[in-house]
Amino acid sequence: MAKNPPKDNSRKGSVTKRTQFQHPNGNWVKRNRENGQFLDQKTSPGPFKGVAKEPDKRQD
């Protein structure tokens, strides 16, 4: 049975091909899984929402 998409166009599940880790300075850094490129750094408290933390074995 098919599922209807969410009405508010939100993502369901974690962001694919992205992981995050906490830098020694306390900021969270988002990384591309395919080439290891750093994408973004979050300075506000807490990790990114919907992004898997490293090490992540779900998307291997």
PDB file of N, CA and C in Angstrom:
ATOM      1  N   MET A   1       0.838  -1.173   0.000  1.00  0.00           N
ATOM      2  CA  MET A   1       0.000   0.000   0.000  1.00  0.00           C
ATOM      3  C   MET A   1       0.888   1.244   0.000  1.00  0.00           C
ATOM      4  N   ALA A   2       0.575   2.186  -0.844  1.00  0.00           N
ATOM      5  CA  ALA A   2       1.356   3.416  -0.953  1.00  0.00           C
ATOM      6  C   ALA A   2       1.033   4.347   0.206  1.00  0.00           C
ATOM      7  N   LYS A   3       2.018   5.166   0.563  1.00  0.00           N
ATOM      8  CA  LYS A   3       1.817   6.152   1.624  1.00  0.00           C
ATOM      9  C   LYS A   3       1.709   7.531   1.014  1.00  0.00           C
ATOM     10  N   ASN A   4       0.820   8.330   1.563  1.00  0.00           N
ATOM     11  CA  ASN A   4       0.670   9.696   1.098  1.00  0.00           C
ATOM     12  C   ASN A   4       1.811  10.541   1.645  1.00  0.00           C
ATOM     13  N   PRO A   5       2.318  11.491   0.851  1.00  0.00           N
ATOM     14  CA  PRO A   5       3.392  12.361   1.348  1.00  0.00           C
ATOM     15  C   PRO A   5       2.846  13.304   2.413  1.00  0.00           C
ATOM     16  N   PRO A   6       3.713  13.806   3.293  1.00  0.00           N
ATOM     17  CA  PRO A   6       3.244  14.759   4.305  1.00  0.00           C
ATOM     18  C   PRO A   6       2.730  16.038   3.648  1.00  0.00           C
ATOM     19  N   LYS A   7       1.729  16.635   4.244  1.00  0.00           N
ATOM     20  CA  LYS A   7       1.122  17.827   3.672  1.00  0.00           C
ATOM     21  C   LYS A   7       2.021  19.059   3.783  1.00  0.00           C
ATOM     22  N   ASP A   8       2.904  19.096   4.772  1.00  0.00           N
ATOM     23  CA  ASP A   8       3.750  20.270   4.959  1.00  0.00           C
ATOM     24  C   ASP A   8       5.101  20.142   4.255  1.00  0.00           C
ATOM     25  N   ASN A   9       5.254  19.135   3.355  1.00  0.00           N
ATOM     26  CA  ASN A   9       6.456  18.946   2.549  1.00  0.00           C
ATOM     27  C   ASN A   9       7.698  18.717   3.417  1.00  0.00           C
ATOM     28  N   SER A  10       7.523  18.080   4.571  1.00  0.00           N
ATOM     29  CA  SER A  10       8.654  17.826   5.463  1.00  0.00           C
ATOM     30  C   SER A  10       9.319  16.502   5.133  1.00  0.00           C
ATOM     31  N   ARG A  11      10.542  16.341   5.590  1.00  0.00           N
ATOM     32  CA  ARG A  11      11.308  15.130   5.358  1.00  0.00           C
ATOM     33  C   ARG A  11      10.864  14.070   6.344  1.00  0.00           C
ATOM     34  N   LYS A  12      10.867  12.827   5.907  1.00  0.00           N
ATOM     35  CA  LYS A  12      10.532  11.712   6.783  1.00  0.00           C
ATOM     36  C   LYS A  12      11.783  10.872   6.961  1.00  0.00           C
ATOM     37  N   GLY A  13      12.281  10.753   8.182  1.00  0.00           N
ATOM     38  CA  GLY A  13      13.519  10.019   8.431  1.00  0.00           C
ATOM     39  C   GLY A  13      14.718  10.945   8.420  1.00  0.00           C
ATOM     40  N   SER A  14      15.916  10.351   8.505  1.00  0.00           N
ATOM     41  CA  SER A  14      17.126  11.159   8.587  1.00  0.00           C
ATOM     42  C   SER A  14      17.557  11.645   7.210  1.00  0.00           C
ATOM     43  N   VAL A  15      18.353  12.699   7.200  1.00  0.00           N
ATOM     44  CA  VAL A  15      18.911  13.243   5.970  1.00  0.00           C
ATOM     45  C   VAL A  15      19.891  12.212   5.416  1.00  0.00           C
ATOM     46  N   THR A  16      19.786  11.882   4.135  1.00  0.00           N
ATOM     47  CA  THR A  16      20.660  10.868   3.557  1.00  0.00           C
ATOM     48  C   THR A  16      21.983  11.485   3.132  1.00  0.00           C
ATOM     49  N   LYS A  17      23.027  10.680   3.175  1.00  0.00           N
ATOM     50  CA  LYS A  17      24.383  11.052   2.755  1.00  0.00           C
ATOM     51  C   LYS A  17      24.978  12.185   3.561  1.00  0.00           C
ATOM     52  N   ARG A  18      24.539  12.363   4.813  1.00  0.00           N
ATOM     53  CA  ARG A  18      25.085  13.384   5.702  1.00  0.00           C
ATOM     54  C   ARG A  18      25.277  12.778   7.085  1.00  0.00           C
ATOM     55  N   THR A  19      26.342  13.167   7.762  1.00  0.00           N
ATOM     56  CA  THR A  19      26.557  12.816   9.158  1.00  0.00           C
ATOM     57  C   THR A  19      27.032  14.065   9.881  1.00  0.00           C
ATOM     58  N   GLN A  20      27.060  13.984  11.199  1.00  0.00           N
ATOM     59  CA  GLN A  20      27.542  15.110  11.991  1.00  0.00           C
ATOM     60  C   GLN A  20      28.393  14.597  13.139  1.00  0.00           C
ATOM     61  N   PHE A  21      29.279  15.456  13.601  1.00  0.00           N
ATOM     62  CA  PHE A  21      30.109  15.138  14.753  1.00  0.00           C
ATOM     63  C   PHE A  21      30.355  16.426  15.518  1.00  0.00           C
ATOM     64  N   GLN A  22      30.773  16.274  16.768  1.00  0.00           N
ATOM     65  CA  GLN A  22      31.030  17.449  17.593  1.00  0.00           C
ATOM     66  C   GLN A  22      32.519  17.763  17.572  1.00  0.00           C
ATOM     67  N   HIS A  23      32.848  18.968  17.133  1.00  0.00           N
ATOM     68  CA  HIS A  23      34.219  19.445  17.053  1.00  0.00           C
ATOM     69  C   HIS A  23      34.725  19.684  18.481  1.00  0.00           C
ATOM     70  N   PRO A  24      36.032  19.594  18.719  1.00  0.00           N
ATOM     71  CA  PRO A  24      36.548  19.839  20.073  1.00  0.00           C
ATOM     72  C   PRO A  24      36.176  21.201  20.662  1.00  0.00           C
ATOM     73  N   ASN A  25      35.877  22.192  19.824  1.00  0.00           N
ATOM     74  CA  ASN A  25      35.471  23.501  20.352  1.00  0.00           C
ATOM     75  C   ASN A  25      34.003  23.524  20.792  1.00  0.00           C
ATOM     76  N   GLY A  26      33.275  22.408  20.609  1.00  0.00           N
ATOM     77  CA  GLY A  26      31.895  22.301  21.060  1.00  0.00           C
ATOM     78  C   GLY A  26      30.859  22.493  19.974  1.00  0.00           C
ATOM     79  N   ASN A  27      31.261  23.001  18.803  1.00  0.00           N
ATOM     80  CA  ASN A  27      30.317  23.191  17.698  1.00  0.00           C
ATOM     81  C   ASN A  27      30.055  21.870  16.991  1.00  0.00           C
ATOM     82  N   TRP A  28      28.860  21.739  16.414  1.00  0.00           N
ATOM     83  CA  TRP A  28      28.518  20.561  15.624  1.00  0.00           C
ATOM     84  C   TRP A  28      28.825  20.839  14.165  1.00  0.00           C
ATOM     85  N   VAL A  29      29.460  19.879  13.486  1.00  0.00           N
ATOM     86  CA  VAL A  29      29.882  20.030  12.099  1.00  0.00           C
ATOM     87  C   VAL A  29      29.187  18.969  11.269  1.00  0.00           C
ATOM     88  N   LYS A  30      28.606  19.395  10.126  1.00  0.00           N
ATOM     89  CA  LYS A  30      27.921  18.481   9.218  1.00  0.00           C
ATOM     90  C   LYS A  30      28.883  18.119   8.090  1.00  0.00           C
ATOM     91  N   ARG A  31      28.917  16.812   7.738  1.00  0.00           N
ATOM     92  CA  ARG A  31      29.857  16.324   6.740  1.00  0.00           C
ATOM     93  C   ARG A  31      29.139  15.509   5.671  1.00  0.00           C
ATOM     94  N   ASN A  32      29.617  15.610   4.426  1.00  0.00           N
ATOM     95  CA  ASN A  32      29.119  14.812   3.314  1.00  0.00           C
ATOM     96  C   ASN A  32      29.742  13.418   3.412  1.00  0.00           C
ATOM     97  N   ARG A  33      28.933  12.366   3.378  1.00  0.00           N
ATOM     98  CA  ARG A  33      29.438  11.001   3.501  1.00  0.00           C
ATOM     99  C   ARG A  33      30.185  10.533   2.268  1.00  0.00           C
ATOM    100  N   GLU A  34      29.863  11.074   1.105  1.00  0.00           N
ATOM    101  CA  GLU A  34      30.455  10.588  -0.141  1.00  0.00           C
ATOM    102  C   GLU A  34      31.909  11.021  -0.309  1.00  0.00           C
ATOM    103  N   ASN A  35      32.217  12.291  -0.018  1.00  0.00           N
ATOM    104  CA  ASN A  35      33.578  12.759  -0.237  1.00  0.00           C
ATOM    105  C   ASN A  35      34.236  13.347   1.006  1.00  0.00           C
ATOM    106  N   GLY A  36      33.565  13.345   2.152  1.00  0.00           N
ATOM    107  CA  GLY A  36      34.136  13.828   3.403  1.00  0.00           C
ATOM    108  C   GLY A  36      34.191  15.335   3.533  1.00  0.00           C
ATOM    109  N   GLN A  37      33.598  16.065   2.588  1.00  0.00           N
ATOM    110  CA  GLN A  37      33.628  17.517   2.613  1.00  0.00           C
ATOM    111  C   GLN A  37      32.777  18.047   3.765  1.00  0.00           C
ATOM    112  N   PHE A  38      33.289  19.059   4.474  1.00  0.00           N
ATOM    113  CA  PHE A  38      32.530  19.709   5.529  1.00  0.00           C
ATOM    114  C   PHE A  38      31.517  20.647   4.900  1.00  0.00           C
ATOM    115  N   LEU A  39      30.262  20.573   5.356  1.00  0.00           N
ATOM    116  CA  LEU A  39      29.192  21.347   4.740  1.00  0.00           C
ATOM    117  C   LEU A  39      28.786  22.565   5.560  1.00  0.00           C
ATOM    118  N   ASP A  40      28.699  22.388   6.873  1.00  0.00           N
ATOM    119  CA  ASP A  40      28.164  23.451   7.705  1.00  0.00           C
ATOM    120  C   ASP A  40      28.638  23.256   9.127  1.00  0.00           C
ATOM    121  N   GLN A  41      28.683  24.364   9.879  1.00  0.00           N
ATOM    122  CA  GLN A  41      29.037  24.307  11.288  1.00  0.00           C
ATOM    123  C   GLN A  41      27.977  25.059  12.064  1.00  0.00           C
ATOM    124  N   LYS A  42      27.491  24.445  13.143  1.00  0.00           N
ATOM    125  CA  LYS A  42      26.420  25.041  13.932  1.00  0.00           C
ATOM    126  C   LYS A  42      27.010  25.602  15.225  1.00  0.00           C
ATOM    127  N   THR A  43      26.792  26.885  15.468  1.00  0.00           N
ATOM    128  CA  THR A  43      27.330  27.504  16.669  1.00  0.00           C
ATOM    129  C   THR A  43      26.318  27.570  17.804  1.00  0.00           C
ATOM    130  N   SER A  44      25.028  27.439  17.487  1.00  0.00           N
ATOM    131  CA  SER A  44      24.018  27.429  18.540  1.00  0.00           C
ATOM    132  C   SER A  44      24.044  26.067  19.232  1.00  0.00           C
ATOM    133  N   PRO A  45      23.561  25.985  20.459  1.00  0.00           N
ATOM    134  CA  PRO A  45      23.659  24.721  21.206  1.00  0.00           C
ATOM    135  C   PRO A  45      22.845  23.593  20.573  1.00  0.00           C
ATOM    136  N   GLY A  46      23.347  22.380  20.733  1.00  0.00           N
ATOM    137  CA  GLY A  46      22.656  21.193  20.255  1.00  0.00           C
ATOM    138  C   GLY A  46      23.054  20.801  18.855  1.00  0.00           C
ATOM    139  N   PRO A  47      22.827  19.527  18.503  1.00  0.00           N
ATOM    140  CA  PRO A  47      23.185  19.033  17.170  1.00  0.00           C
ATOM    141  C   PRO A  47      22.158  19.443  16.115  1.00  0.00           C
ATOM    142  N   PHE A  48      22.513  19.207  14.837  1.00  0.00           N
ATOM    143  CA  PHE A  48      21.579  19.426  13.738  1.00  0.00           C
ATOM    144  C   PHE A  48      20.417  18.448  13.873  1.00  0.00           C
ATOM    145  N   LYS A  49      19.221  18.870  13.507  1.00  0.00           N
ATOM    146  CA  LYS A  49      18.065  17.977  13.552  1.00  0.00           C
ATOM    147  C   LYS A  49      18.029  17.107  12.309  1.00  0.00           C
ATOM    148  N   GLY A  50      17.765  15.832  12.483  1.00  0.00           N
ATOM    149  CA  GLY A  50      17.568  14.930  11.361  1.00  0.00           C
ATOM    150  C   GLY A  50      18.829  14.464  10.676  1.00  0.00           C
ATOM    151  N   VAL A  51      20.007  14.733  11.251  1.00  0.00           N
ATOM    152  CA  VAL A  51      21.273  14.302  10.658  1.00  0.00           C
ATOM    153  C   VAL A  51      21.897  13.279  11.599  1.00  0.00           C
ATOM    154  N   ALA A  52      22.325  12.131  11.046  1.00  0.00           N
ATOM    155  CA  ALA A  52      22.884  11.052  11.862  1.00  0.00           C
ATOM    156  C   ALA A  52      24.227  11.468  12.450  1.00  0.00           C
ATOM    157  N   LYS A  53      24.490  11.008  13.664  1.00  0.00           N
ATOM    158  CA  LYS A  53      25.762  11.285  14.316  1.00  0.00           C
ATOM    159  C   LYS A  53      26.778  10.219  13.933  1.00  0.00           C
ATOM    160  N   GLU A  54      28.053  10.603  13.855  1.00  0.00           N
ATOM    161  CA  GLU A  54      29.121   9.644  13.520  1.00  0.00           C
ATOM    162  C   GLU A  54      29.531   8.904  14.777  1.00  0.00           C
ATOM    163  N   PRO A  55      29.930   7.671  14.688  1.00  0.00           N
ATOM    164  CA  PRO A  55      29.868   6.798  13.508  1.00  0.00           C
ATOM    165  C   PRO A  55      28.440   6.312  13.283  1.00  0.00           C
ATOM    166  N   ASP A  56      28.048   6.208  12.019  1.00  0.00           N
ATOM    167  CA  ASP A  56      26.689   5.804  11.663  1.00  0.00           C
ATOM    168  C   ASP A  56      26.774   4.568  10.778  1.00  0.00           C
ATOM    169  N   LYS A  57      26.162   3.481  11.196  1.00  0.00           N
ATOM    170  CA  LYS A  57      26.203   2.228  10.439  1.00  0.00           C
ATOM    171  C   LYS A  57      24.911   1.986   9.676  1.00  0.00           C
ATOM    172  N   ARG A  58      23.953   2.907   9.718  1.00  0.00           N
ATOM    173  CA  ARG A  58      22.664   2.693   9.070  1.00  0.00           C
ATOM    174  C   ARG A  58      22.742   2.799   7.564  1.00  0.00           C
ATOM    175  N   GLN A  59      23.622   3.658   7.043  1.00  0.00           N
ATOM    176  CA  GLN A  59      23.632   3.927   5.622  1.00  0.00           C
ATOM    177  C   GLN A  59      24.871   3.368   4.938  1.00  0.00           C
ATOM    178  N   ASP A  60      25.499   2.368   5.486  1.00  0.00           N
ATOM    179  CA  ASP A  60      26.696   1.778   4.873  1.00  0.00           C
ATOM    180  C   ASP A  60      26.371   0.983   3.649  1.00  0.00           C
TER     181      ASP A  60
END
